[in-house]
Structure formats: structure tokens, C-alpha cells
Amino acid sequence: RGLLKGGETGPAVVPGDLKKSLLISALKHDGFEMPPKGKLRPEVIADFERWIKDGAIDPRLVAKDVARPTAIDIEAGRKHWAFQPLREPVVPTVKDTSWPRNHIDRFVLARLDSARLRPCSDADKIVLLRRLHFDLIGLPPLPEQIDRFINDTSPQAYENLVDRLLASPRFGERWGRHW
């Protein structure tokens, strides 16, 4: 309303009339300067010009029409992906079978192969230990936890550590804060 009413020099906006709209003069730095620290980009000024040409309607005052469906198609809804039965994905075959440890690794490796990339080398045990601790429980490993993991030579050492950290009350405390 204030733009249409104006001040001592007249209305800042005259709907449909760019020449009488002082706002456009100010934006173009024709006598007035708005914004004072440099001109707006030409496309922004063009947006203001289009708005004034279209009647300078305040979008906050326009009633929003909400399209209401005349009928609900239940069958079309049942075809939505969220309502489809789960299907076992086809696990991709990969040339290098030494790197993947599980099916997820095969998907990752197949994508890397298609991009002509190679997986990086495995992280050191201490790096894996620290990553898991910070990611899962938000705390660094204690010295005895470091020794226990470093000295564990079983092939399931990493998986066992994941299971221990997931079973820890610290896991729930850390992630409960996010929810």
C-alpha cells in the first residue's frame, strides 16, 4: 500500500505505468539510487518492470486457489513406487572379485568401473577404528579399545567392532540427540 500511496515525490509504483513509477527510476539509478551501493542486475530490474506492467499486484493479498481433485483413482495410487513389492536387485558382476566383500561393494565397484575409476586402498586399522568410534558413538576410542582392535587378527574384527558399537548405550545417546 505504501508503494502505491507514495510520499512527497509521488507514488513509488504506478501499476501498469513504468514511466510514472519512481521505483524503476531508482533501480536504474536515474536520479535516485536504490540500492545505494551499486545497481541491481538487469534481469532483476526487468522482473520489477514486468511486475509493474502486470499491475503491481501484492502476492500476499492474492487468494490462492487450490486445485481439488474431482475423483481419486485408487488403482493409479497402487501403481506408485512406494506401494510396489520389494524385488531382489540383480547384483552386478565385476572383473575384480578380490576387492568386494559383499553385494554392496559389488554395486560400488561396478559404478566405479563404469566411470573408469579404481577404489582407493583400504584404510589402516587405527583409522577405521577412529572413524567408527566418532561416526557411531561420537567419542574417540580408549587406549584399551585401540589395543583390542589392533591385536584382533580375525577376519571379522571390523564387523565385530561395528556390532559392539551399535550395541553400546553411547550409540543411542549420540543418535537420540538428532531425533
N, C-alpha and C. Protein backbone atom coordinates (compact mmCIF):
# COMPACT_ATOMS: atom_id res chain seq x y z
N ARG A 1 0.82 -1.19 0.00
CA ARG A 1 0.00 0.00 0.00
C ARG A 1 0.86 1.25 0.00
N GLY A 2 1.97 1.19 0.76
CA GLY A 2 2.85 2.35 0.84
C GLY A 2 3.48 2.67 -0.50
N LEU A 3 3.79 1.65 -1.29
CA LEU A 3 4.36 1.88 -2.62
C LEU A 3 3.38 2.61 -3.52
N LEU A 4 2.09 2.29 -3.40
CA LEU A 4 1.08 2.90 -4.25
C LEU A 4 0.71 4.30 -3.76
N LYS A 5 0.74 4.50 -2.45
CA LYS A 5 0.38 5.80 -1.88
C LYS A 5 1.49 6.82 -2.14
N GLY A 6 2.72 6.41 -1.88
CA GLY A 6 3.85 7.28 -2.14
C GLY A 6 4.11 8.28 -1.05
N GLY A 7 5.06 9.16 -1.33
CA GLY A 7 5.46 10.19 -0.37
C GLY A 7 5.41 11.55 -1.01
N GLU A 8 6.37 12.42 -0.65
CA GLU A 8 6.41 13.79 -1.16
C GLU A 8 6.60 13.85 -2.66
N THR A 9 7.35 12.91 -3.21
CA THR A 9 7.62 12.93 -4.66
C THR A 9 6.60 12.14 -5.46
N GLY A 10 5.64 11.54 -4.82
CA GLY A 10 4.61 10.79 -5.52
C GLY A 10 4.71 9.32 -5.23
N PRO A 11 3.86 8.53 -5.88
CA PRO A 11 3.85 7.09 -5.63
C PRO A 11 5.11 6.42 -6.20
N ALA A 12 5.63 5.46 -5.45
CA ALA A 12 6.81 4.73 -5.92
C ALA A 12 6.44 3.81 -7.07
N VAL A 13 5.20 3.32 -7.06
CA VAL A 13 4.76 2.39 -8.10
C VAL A 13 3.40 2.85 -8.62
N VAL A 14 3.31 2.98 -9.94
CA VAL A 14 2.03 3.23 -10.60
C VAL A 14 1.74 1.99 -11.43
N PRO A 15 0.80 1.16 -10.99
CA PRO A 15 0.52 -0.09 -11.71
C PRO A 15 0.27 0.13 -13.20
N GLY A 16 1.03 -0.60 -14.01
CA GLY A 16 0.89 -0.54 -15.46
C GLY A 16 1.64 0.59 -16.12
N ASP A 17 2.29 1.49 -15.37
CA ASP A 17 2.96 2.65 -15.96
C ASP A 17 4.40 2.74 -15.45
N LEU A 18 5.34 2.28 -16.26
CA LEU A 18 6.75 2.28 -15.86
C LEU A 18 7.30 3.69 -15.74
N LYS A 19 6.88 4.62 -16.63
CA LYS A 19 7.45 5.97 -16.64
C LYS A 19 7.08 6.75 -15.39
N LYS A 20 5.90 6.50 -14.85
CA LYS A 20 5.46 7.23 -13.66
C LYS A 20 5.88 6.52 -12.36
N SER A 21 6.44 5.34 -12.47
CA SER A 21 6.85 4.57 -11.30
C SER A 21 8.26 4.97 -10.89
N LEU A 22 8.36 5.68 -9.77
CA LEU A 22 9.66 6.15 -9.29
C LEU A 22 10.58 5.00 -8.89
N LEU A 23 10.02 3.89 -8.54
CA LEU A 23 10.83 2.74 -8.15
C LEU A 23 11.76 2.32 -9.28
N ILE A 24 11.26 2.30 -10.50
CA ILE A 24 12.09 1.89 -11.65
C ILE A 24 13.21 2.90 -11.87
N SER A 25 12.92 4.20 -11.73
CA SER A 25 13.97 5.21 -11.87
C SER A 25 15.06 5.00 -10.82
N ALA A 26 14.64 4.69 -9.60
CA ALA A 26 15.62 4.48 -8.54
C ALA A 26 16.46 3.23 -8.80
N LEU A 27 15.81 2.15 -9.25
CA LEU A 27 16.55 0.92 -9.52
C LEU A 27 17.54 1.08 -10.66
N LYS A 28 17.20 1.94 -11.63
CA LYS A 28 18.10 2.17 -12.77
C LYS A 28 19.12 3.27 -12.48
N HIS A 29 19.05 3.85 -11.27
CA HIS A 29 19.95 4.93 -10.86
C HIS A 29 19.76 6.16 -11.74
N ASP A 30 18.52 6.46 -12.11
CA ASP A 30 18.19 7.67 -12.87
C ASP A 30 17.78 8.76 -11.88
N GLY A 31 18.73 9.42 -11.27
CA GLY A 31 18.41 10.47 -10.30
C GLY A 31 18.42 9.93 -8.88
N PHE A 32 17.60 8.93 -8.61
CA PHE A 32 17.61 8.28 -7.30
C PHE A 32 18.52 7.07 -7.40
N GLU A 33 19.02 6.63 -6.29
CA GLU A 33 19.88 5.44 -6.33
C GLU A 33 19.41 4.42 -5.31
N MET A 34 18.89 3.31 -5.84
CA MET A 34 18.44 2.22 -4.98
C MET A 34 18.79 0.90 -5.66
N PRO A 35 19.48 0.05 -5.07
CA PRO A 35 20.14 0.17 -3.77
C PRO A 35 21.31 1.13 -3.86
N PRO A 36 21.67 1.79 -2.75
CA PRO A 36 22.69 2.83 -2.80
C PRO A 36 24.08 2.32 -3.13
N LYS A 37 24.37 1.06 -2.89
CA LYS A 37 25.73 0.55 -3.12
C LYS A 37 25.82 -0.26 -4.40
N GLY A 38 25.40 0.29 -5.50
CA GLY A 38 25.53 -0.40 -6.78
C GLY A 38 24.20 -0.80 -7.37
N LYS A 39 24.21 -0.95 -8.69
CA LYS A 39 22.99 -1.29 -9.41
C LYS A 39 22.64 -2.77 -9.26
N LEU A 40 21.35 -3.03 -9.41
CA LEU A 40 20.89 -4.42 -9.48
C LEU A 40 21.22 -4.98 -10.86
N ARG A 41 21.23 -6.29 -10.98
CA ARG A 41 21.45 -6.92 -12.28
C ARG A 41 20.28 -6.57 -13.20
N PRO A 42 20.52 -6.45 -14.51
CA PRO A 42 19.44 -6.09 -15.45
C PRO A 42 18.24 -7.03 -15.39
N GLU A 43 18.47 -8.33 -15.16
CA GLU A 43 17.34 -9.26 -15.12
C GLU A 43 16.46 -9.03 -13.89
N VAL A 44 17.05 -8.54 -12.80
CA VAL A 44 16.26 -8.23 -11.60
C VAL A 44 15.40 -7.00 -11.87
N ILE A 45 15.99 -5.99 -12.49
CA ILE A 45 15.22 -4.79 -12.85
C ILE A 45 14.10 -5.16 -13.82
N ALA A 46 14.39 -6.05 -14.77
CA ALA A 46 13.35 -6.50 -15.72
C ALA A 46 12.21 -7.19 -14.99
N ASP A 47 12.51 -7.93 -13.93
CA ASP A 47 11.45 -8.57 -13.13
C ASP A 47 10.54 -7.52 -12.49
N PHE A 48 11.15 -6.46 -11.94
CA PHE A 48 10.35 -5.38 -11.36
C PHE A 48 9.49 -4.71 -12.43
N GLU A 49 10.07 -4.47 -13.61
CA GLU A 49 9.31 -3.85 -14.70
C GLU A 49 8.12 -4.72 -15.10
N ARG A 50 8.34 -6.00 -15.21
CA ARG A 50 7.26 -6.92 -15.58
C ARG A 50 6.15 -6.90 -14.51
N TRP A 51 6.56 -6.85 -13.24
CA TRP A 51 5.60 -6.82 -12.13
C TRP A 51 4.74 -5.56 -12.20
N ILE A 52 5.37 -4.42 -12.49
CA ILE A 52 4.61 -3.16 -12.59
C ILE A 52 3.70 -3.18 -13.81
N LYS A 53 4.21 -3.66 -14.95
CA LYS A 53 3.37 -3.76 -16.16
C LYS A 53 2.16 -4.65 -15.92
N ASP A 54 2.35 -5.69 -15.12
CA ASP A 54 1.25 -6.64 -14.84
C ASP A 54 0.29 -6.14 -13.76
N GLY A 55 0.50 -4.92 -13.28
CA GLY A 55 -0.45 -4.35 -12.32
C GLY A 55 0.08 -4.24 -10.91
N ALA A 56 1.32 -4.60 -10.66
CA ALA A 56 1.96 -4.48 -9.34
C ALA A 56 1.10 -5.10 -8.24
N ILE A 57 0.64 -6.31 -8.47
CA ILE A 57 -0.23 -6.99 -7.51
C ILE A 57 0.63 -7.55 -6.38
N ASP A 58 0.20 -7.28 -5.16
CA ASP A 58 0.89 -7.79 -3.97
C ASP A 58 0.53 -9.27 -3.82
N PRO A 59 1.49 -10.18 -3.99
CA PRO A 59 1.17 -11.61 -3.94
C PRO A 59 0.63 -12.06 -2.58
N ARG A 60 0.91 -11.29 -1.53
CA ARG A 60 0.39 -11.66 -0.20
C ARG A 60 -1.11 -11.46 -0.10
N LEU A 61 -1.67 -10.61 -0.98
CA LEU A 61 -3.09 -10.30 -0.91
C LEU A 61 -3.93 -11.11 -1.88
N VAL A 62 -3.27 -11.92 -2.70
CA VAL A 62 -3.99 -12.72 -3.70
C VAL A 62 -4.43 -14.04 -3.05
N ALA A 63 -5.69 -14.36 -3.20
CA ALA A 63 -6.19 -15.64 -2.68
C ALA A 63 -5.62 -16.76 -3.53
N LYS A 64 -5.16 -17.77 -2.87
CA LYS A 64 -4.57 -18.90 -3.59
C LYS A 64 -5.63 -19.96 -3.84
N ASP A 65 -5.83 -20.27 -5.10
CA ASP A 65 -6.77 -21.33 -5.46
C ASP A 65 -6.04 -22.66 -5.38
N VAL A 66 -6.62 -23.57 -4.68
CA VAL A 66 -6.05 -24.91 -4.55
C VAL A 66 -6.87 -25.84 -5.41
N ALA A 67 -6.18 -26.49 -6.34
CA ALA A 67 -6.88 -27.44 -7.21
C ALA A 67 -7.30 -28.65 -6.40
N ARG A 68 -8.54 -28.96 -6.47
CA ARG A 68 -9.06 -30.12 -5.75
C ARG A 68 -9.42 -31.19 -6.77
N PRO A 69 -8.98 -32.41 -6.49
CA PRO A 69 -9.31 -33.49 -7.45
C PRO A 69 -10.82 -33.75 -7.45
N THR A 70 -11.31 -34.04 -8.63
CA THR A 70 -12.74 -34.36 -8.74
C THR A 70 -12.99 -35.81 -8.39
N ALA A 71 -11.96 -36.64 -8.56
CA ALA A 71 -12.10 -38.05 -8.23
C ALA A 71 -10.73 -38.58 -7.82
N ILE A 72 -10.74 -39.63 -7.07
CA ILE A 72 -9.49 -40.25 -6.65
C ILE A 72 -9.37 -41.60 -7.35
N ASP A 73 -8.25 -41.77 -8.04
CA ASP A 73 -8.01 -43.01 -8.78
C ASP A 73 -7.19 -43.95 -7.89
N ILE A 74 -7.85 -44.86 -7.24
CA ILE A 74 -7.19 -45.79 -6.32
C ILE A 74 -6.20 -46.68 -7.06
N GLU A 75 -6.55 -47.14 -8.23
CA GLU A 75 -5.66 -48.03 -8.99
C GLU A 75 -4.38 -47.31 -9.38
N ALA A 76 -4.49 -46.04 -9.77
CA ALA A 76 -3.29 -45.28 -10.11
C ALA A 76 -2.41 -45.13 -8.87
N GLY A 77 -3.02 -44.93 -7.72
CA GLY A 77 -2.26 -44.82 -6.48
C GLY A 77 -1.52 -46.09 -6.14
N ARG A 78 -2.13 -47.21 -6.43
CA ARG A 78 -1.49 -48.51 -6.13
C ARG A 78 -0.26 -48.75 -7.01
N LYS A 79 -0.16 -48.03 -8.12
CA LYS A 79 0.99 -48.20 -9.03
C LYS A 79 2.19 -47.35 -8.60
N HIS A 80 1.98 -46.50 -7.60
CA HIS A 80 3.08 -45.67 -7.12
C HIS A 80 4.21 -46.57 -6.63
N TRP A 81 5.45 -46.15 -6.83
CA TRP A 81 6.60 -46.99 -6.50
C TRP A 81 6.62 -47.41 -5.03
N ALA A 82 6.12 -46.56 -4.14
CA ALA A 82 6.18 -46.87 -2.72
C ALA A 82 5.30 -48.06 -2.35
N PHE A 83 4.34 -48.38 -3.20
CA PHE A 83 3.42 -49.47 -2.91
C PHE A 83 3.74 -50.73 -3.70
N GLN A 84 4.88 -50.74 -4.37
CA GLN A 84 5.27 -51.91 -5.14
C GLN A 84 6.00 -52.89 -4.23
N PRO A 85 5.85 -54.18 -4.50
CA PRO A 85 6.57 -55.16 -3.67
C PRO A 85 8.08 -55.03 -3.89
N LEU A 86 8.81 -55.33 -2.85
CA LEU A 86 10.27 -55.28 -2.95
C LEU A 86 10.75 -56.41 -3.85
N ARG A 87 11.76 -56.09 -4.65
CA ARG A 87 12.35 -57.09 -5.52
C ARG A 87 13.84 -57.18 -5.22
N GLU A 88 14.35 -58.36 -5.28
CA GLU A 88 15.78 -58.57 -5.06
C GLU A 88 16.52 -57.98 -6.26
N PRO A 89 17.44 -57.02 -6.05
CA PRO A 89 18.15 -56.44 -7.19
C PRO A 89 19.14 -57.44 -7.78
N VAL A 90 19.43 -57.26 -9.04
CA VAL A 90 20.43 -58.10 -9.70
C VAL A 90 21.80 -57.53 -9.33
N VAL A 91 22.59 -58.33 -8.66
CA VAL A 91 23.91 -57.89 -8.23
C VAL A 91 24.83 -57.89 -9.44
N PRO A 92 25.50 -56.76 -9.71
CA PRO A 92 26.34 -56.69 -10.90
C PRO A 92 27.57 -57.59 -10.79
N THR A 93 27.99 -58.07 -11.94
CA THR A 93 29.24 -58.84 -11.98
C THR A 93 30.38 -57.85 -12.19
N VAL A 94 31.49 -58.11 -11.55
CA VAL A 94 32.64 -57.22 -11.65
C VAL A 94 33.87 -58.03 -12.03
N LYS A 95 34.82 -57.37 -12.68
CA LYS A 95 36.04 -58.05 -13.11
C LYS A 95 36.93 -58.40 -11.92
N ASP A 96 37.10 -57.43 -11.02
CA ASP A 96 37.97 -57.64 -9.86
C ASP A 96 37.13 -58.19 -8.71
N THR A 97 37.23 -59.48 -8.48
CA THR A 97 36.43 -60.09 -7.41
C THR A 97 37.18 -60.10 -6.07
N SER A 98 38.41 -59.61 -6.05
CA SER A 98 39.17 -59.61 -4.80
C SER A 98 38.78 -58.44 -3.89
N TRP A 99 38.33 -57.34 -4.47
CA TRP A 99 38.02 -56.16 -3.65
C TRP A 99 36.66 -56.23 -2.94
N PRO A 100 35.59 -56.59 -3.63
CA PRO A 100 34.29 -56.55 -2.95
C PRO A 100 34.20 -57.58 -1.83
N ARG A 101 33.69 -57.14 -0.67
CA ARG A 101 33.49 -58.05 0.45
C ARG A 101 32.04 -58.49 0.56
N ASN A 102 31.15 -57.73 -0.10
CA ASN A 102 29.72 -58.05 -0.03
C ASN A 102 29.03 -57.51 -1.28
N HIS A 103 27.73 -57.70 -1.36
CA HIS A 103 26.98 -57.27 -2.55
C HIS A 103 27.01 -55.75 -2.73
N ILE A 104 26.98 -55.01 -1.64
CA ILE A 104 27.02 -53.55 -1.75
C ILE A 104 28.32 -53.11 -2.40
N ASP A 105 29.43 -53.74 -2.00
CA ASP A 105 30.72 -53.43 -2.62
C ASP A 105 30.69 -53.69 -4.12
N ARG A 106 29.97 -54.71 -4.54
CA ARG A 106 29.88 -55.01 -5.98
C ARG A 106 29.16 -53.88 -6.72
N PHE A 107 28.11 -53.34 -6.12
CA PHE A 107 27.42 -52.20 -6.74
C PHE A 107 28.35 -51.00 -6.83
N VAL A 108 29.09 -50.74 -5.75
CA VAL A 108 30.03 -49.62 -5.73
C VAL A 108 31.11 -49.82 -6.79
N LEU A 109 31.69 -51.01 -6.83
CA LEU A 109 32.76 -51.29 -7.78
C LEU A 109 32.26 -51.21 -9.22
N ALA A 110 31.06 -51.70 -9.49
CA ALA A 110 30.51 -51.61 -10.84
C ALA A 110 30.37 -50.16 -11.27
N ARG A 111 29.93 -49.30 -10.36
CA ARG A 111 29.79 -47.87 -10.68
C ARG A 111 31.16 -47.24 -10.88
N LEU A 112 32.12 -47.59 -10.05
CA LEU A 112 33.47 -47.08 -10.23
C LEU A 112 34.04 -47.53 -11.58
N ASP A 113 33.85 -48.81 -11.92
CA ASP A 113 34.33 -49.33 -13.20
C ASP A 113 33.72 -48.56 -14.37
N SER A 114 32.42 -48.26 -14.29
CA SER A 114 31.77 -47.55 -15.39
C SER A 114 32.32 -46.14 -15.55
N ALA A 115 32.86 -45.57 -14.47
CA ALA A 115 33.46 -44.25 -14.53
C ALA A 115 34.98 -44.33 -14.73
N ARG A 116 35.47 -45.55 -14.96
CA ARG A 116 36.90 -45.81 -15.15
C ARG A 116 37.72 -45.33 -13.95
N LEU A 117 37.18 -45.61 -12.77
CA LEU A 117 37.88 -45.29 -11.52
C LEU A 117 38.20 -46.56 -10.77
N ARG A 118 39.15 -46.48 -9.87
CA ARG A 118 39.52 -47.62 -9.05
C ARG A 118 39.25 -47.26 -7.60
N PRO A 119 38.90 -48.24 -6.79
CA PRO A 119 38.71 -47.94 -5.37
C PRO A 119 40.05 -47.60 -4.72
N CYS A 120 40.01 -46.75 -3.73
CA CYS A 120 41.25 -46.41 -3.03
C CYS A 120 41.65 -47.58 -2.13
N SER A 121 42.85 -47.53 -1.66
CA SER A 121 43.33 -48.64 -0.81
C SER A 121 42.59 -48.61 0.52
N ASP A 122 42.58 -49.76 1.18
CA ASP A 122 41.91 -49.86 2.48
C ASP A 122 42.62 -48.98 3.50
N ALA A 123 41.84 -48.41 4.40
CA ALA A 123 42.40 -47.58 5.47
C ALA A 123 43.09 -48.48 6.50
N ASP A 124 44.04 -47.91 7.21
CA ASP A 124 44.71 -48.64 8.30
C ASP A 124 43.69 -48.95 9.39
N LYS A 125 44.00 -49.98 10.18
CA LYS A 125 43.08 -50.39 11.24
C LYS A 125 42.80 -49.27 12.24
N ILE A 126 43.82 -48.50 12.58
CA ILE A 126 43.61 -47.42 13.55
C ILE A 126 42.68 -46.34 12.98
N VAL A 127 42.80 -46.08 11.68
CA VAL A 127 41.93 -45.10 11.03
C VAL A 127 40.49 -45.60 11.04
N LEU A 128 40.31 -46.88 10.69
CA LEU A 128 38.96 -47.45 10.72
C LEU A 128 38.36 -47.38 12.12
N LEU A 129 39.17 -47.69 13.11
CA LEU A 129 38.71 -47.66 14.50
C LEU A 129 38.23 -46.26 14.89
N ARG A 130 39.04 -45.26 14.59
CA ARG A 130 38.67 -43.88 14.94
C ARG A 130 37.42 -43.44 14.17
N ARG A 131 37.34 -43.75 12.88
CA ARG A 131 36.16 -43.38 12.10
C ARG A 131 34.89 -43.98 12.69
N LEU A 132 34.95 -45.28 12.98
CA LEU A 132 33.77 -45.94 13.54
C LEU A 132 33.37 -45.33 14.88
N HIS A 133 34.33 -45.11 15.73
CA HIS A 133 34.02 -44.54 17.05
C HIS A 133 33.37 -43.17 16.92
N PHE A 134 33.96 -42.30 16.13
CA PHE A 134 33.39 -40.96 16.01
C PHE A 134 32.05 -40.98 15.28
N ASP A 135 31.93 -41.79 14.23
CA ASP A 135 30.67 -41.85 13.49
C ASP A 135 29.53 -42.45 14.31
N LEU A 136 29.81 -43.53 15.01
CA LEU A 136 28.73 -44.25 15.68
C LEU A 136 28.43 -43.75 17.09
N ILE A 137 29.47 -43.46 17.87
CA ILE A 137 29.19 -43.05 19.25
C ILE A 137 29.66 -41.64 19.57
N GLY A 138 30.37 -41.00 18.63
CA GLY A 138 30.78 -39.62 18.83
C GLY A 138 31.92 -39.41 19.79
N LEU A 139 32.61 -40.47 20.16
CA LEU A 139 33.72 -40.39 21.11
C LEU A 139 34.95 -41.08 20.56
N PRO A 140 36.14 -40.63 20.94
CA PRO A 140 37.35 -41.33 20.49
C PRO A 140 37.49 -42.67 21.21
N PRO A 141 38.20 -43.60 20.60
CA PRO A 141 38.39 -44.89 21.27
C PRO A 141 39.35 -44.74 22.46
N LEU A 142 39.11 -45.54 23.48
CA LEU A 142 40.00 -45.57 24.64
C LEU A 142 41.25 -46.38 24.29
N PRO A 143 42.37 -46.18 25.00
CA PRO A 143 43.60 -46.92 24.69
C PRO A 143 43.40 -48.44 24.69
N GLU A 144 42.62 -48.96 25.65
CA GLU A 144 42.41 -50.41 25.68
C GLU A 144 41.55 -50.88 24.49
N GLN A 145 40.66 -50.02 24.00
CA GLN A 145 39.87 -50.37 22.82
C GLN A 145 40.76 -50.39 21.58
N ILE A 146 41.71 -49.47 21.54
CA ILE A 146 42.66 -49.44 20.42
C ILE A 146 43.47 -50.74 20.41
N ASP A 147 44.03 -51.10 21.56
CA ASP A 147 44.83 -52.33 21.65
C ASP A 147 44.01 -53.55 21.26
N ARG A 148 42.80 -53.62 21.77
CA ARG A 148 41.94 -54.78 21.49
C ARG A 148 41.69 -54.93 19.98
N PHE A 149 41.40 -53.81 19.31
CA PHE A 149 41.09 -53.88 17.88
C PHE A 149 42.34 -54.15 17.05
N ILE A 150 43.42 -53.48 17.36
CA ILE A 150 44.67 -53.66 16.61
C ILE A 150 45.16 -55.10 16.73
N ASN A 151 45.02 -55.70 17.90
CA ASN A 151 45.50 -57.07 18.12
C ASN A 151 44.52 -58.15 17.67
N ASP A 152 43.33 -57.76 17.28
CA ASP A 152 42.33 -58.73 16.79
C ASP A 152 42.64 -59.04 15.33
N THR A 153 43.13 -60.25 15.07
CA THR A 153 43.53 -60.63 13.71
C THR A 153 42.44 -61.42 12.99
N SER A 154 41.30 -61.56 13.60
CA SER A 154 40.23 -62.34 12.95
C SER A 154 39.69 -61.58 11.74
N PRO A 155 39.21 -62.30 10.71
CA PRO A 155 38.67 -61.64 9.52
C PRO A 155 37.41 -60.82 9.83
N GLN A 156 36.77 -61.11 10.96
CA GLN A 156 35.54 -60.41 11.32
C GLN A 156 35.79 -59.28 12.34
N ALA A 157 37.02 -58.85 12.50
CA ALA A 157 37.35 -57.85 13.52
C ALA A 157 36.56 -56.56 13.31
N TYR A 158 36.49 -56.10 12.09
CA TYR A 158 35.78 -54.85 11.79
C TYR A 158 34.28 -55.01 12.07
N GLU A 159 33.69 -56.09 11.57
CA GLU A 159 32.26 -56.33 11.77
C GLU A 159 31.94 -56.47 13.26
N ASN A 160 32.83 -57.14 14.01
CA ASN A 160 32.62 -57.29 15.45
C ASN A 160 32.64 -55.93 16.16
N LEU A 161 33.55 -55.06 15.72
CA LEU A 161 33.62 -53.72 16.31
C LEU A 161 32.33 -52.94 16.01
N VAL A 162 31.86 -53.02 14.78
CA VAL A 162 30.61 -52.35 14.42
C VAL A 162 29.49 -52.85 15.33
N ASP A 163 29.38 -54.15 15.48
CA ASP A 163 28.33 -54.72 16.33
C ASP A 163 28.45 -54.23 17.78
N ARG A 164 29.68 -54.19 18.31
CA ARG A 164 29.87 -53.73 19.70
C ARG A 164 29.45 -52.27 19.85
N LEU A 165 29.83 -51.43 18.88
CA LEU A 165 29.50 -50.01 18.98
C LEU A 165 27.99 -49.78 18.82
N LEU A 166 27.37 -50.54 17.92
CA LEU A 166 25.91 -50.40 17.75
C LEU A 166 25.16 -50.85 19.00
N ALA A 167 25.72 -51.80 19.73
CA ALA A 167 25.07 -52.30 20.95
C ALA A 167 25.37 -51.41 22.16
N SER A 168 26.28 -50.47 22.00
CA SER A 168 26.67 -49.61 23.12
C SER A 168 25.58 -48.57 23.42
N PRO A 169 25.35 -48.26 24.69
CA PRO A 169 24.42 -47.18 25.04
C PRO A 169 24.85 -45.83 24.46
N ARG A 170 26.16 -45.66 24.25
CA ARG A 170 26.66 -44.41 23.67
C ARG A 170 26.09 -44.18 22.27
N PHE A 171 25.86 -45.27 21.52
CA PHE A 171 25.27 -45.15 20.18
C PHE A 171 23.89 -44.51 20.28
N GLY A 172 23.06 -45.04 21.16
CA GLY A 172 21.71 -44.49 21.34
C GLY A 172 21.74 -43.06 21.84
N GLU A 173 22.66 -42.76 22.75
CA GLU A 173 22.77 -41.41 23.28
C GLU A 173 23.16 -40.42 22.19
N ARG A 174 24.11 -40.83 21.36
CA ARG A 174 24.56 -39.92 20.29
C ARG A 174 23.46 -39.67 19.28
N TRP A 175 22.85 -40.72 18.77
CA TRP A 175 21.88 -40.57 17.69
C TRP A 175 20.51 -40.14 18.20
N GLY A 176 20.22 -40.40 19.47
CA GLY A 176 18.97 -39.91 20.04
C GLY A 176 18.91 -38.39 20.06
N ARG A 177 20.05 -37.74 20.15
CA ARG A 177 20.10 -36.28 20.13
C ARG A 177 19.67 -35.71 18.79
N HIS A 178 19.85 -36.46 17.72
CA HIS A 178 19.47 -35.97 16.38
C HIS A 178 17.98 -36.09 16.14
N TRP A 179 17.32 -36.98 16.85
CA TRP A 179 15.90 -37.22 16.61
C TRP A 179 15.09 -36.50 17.64
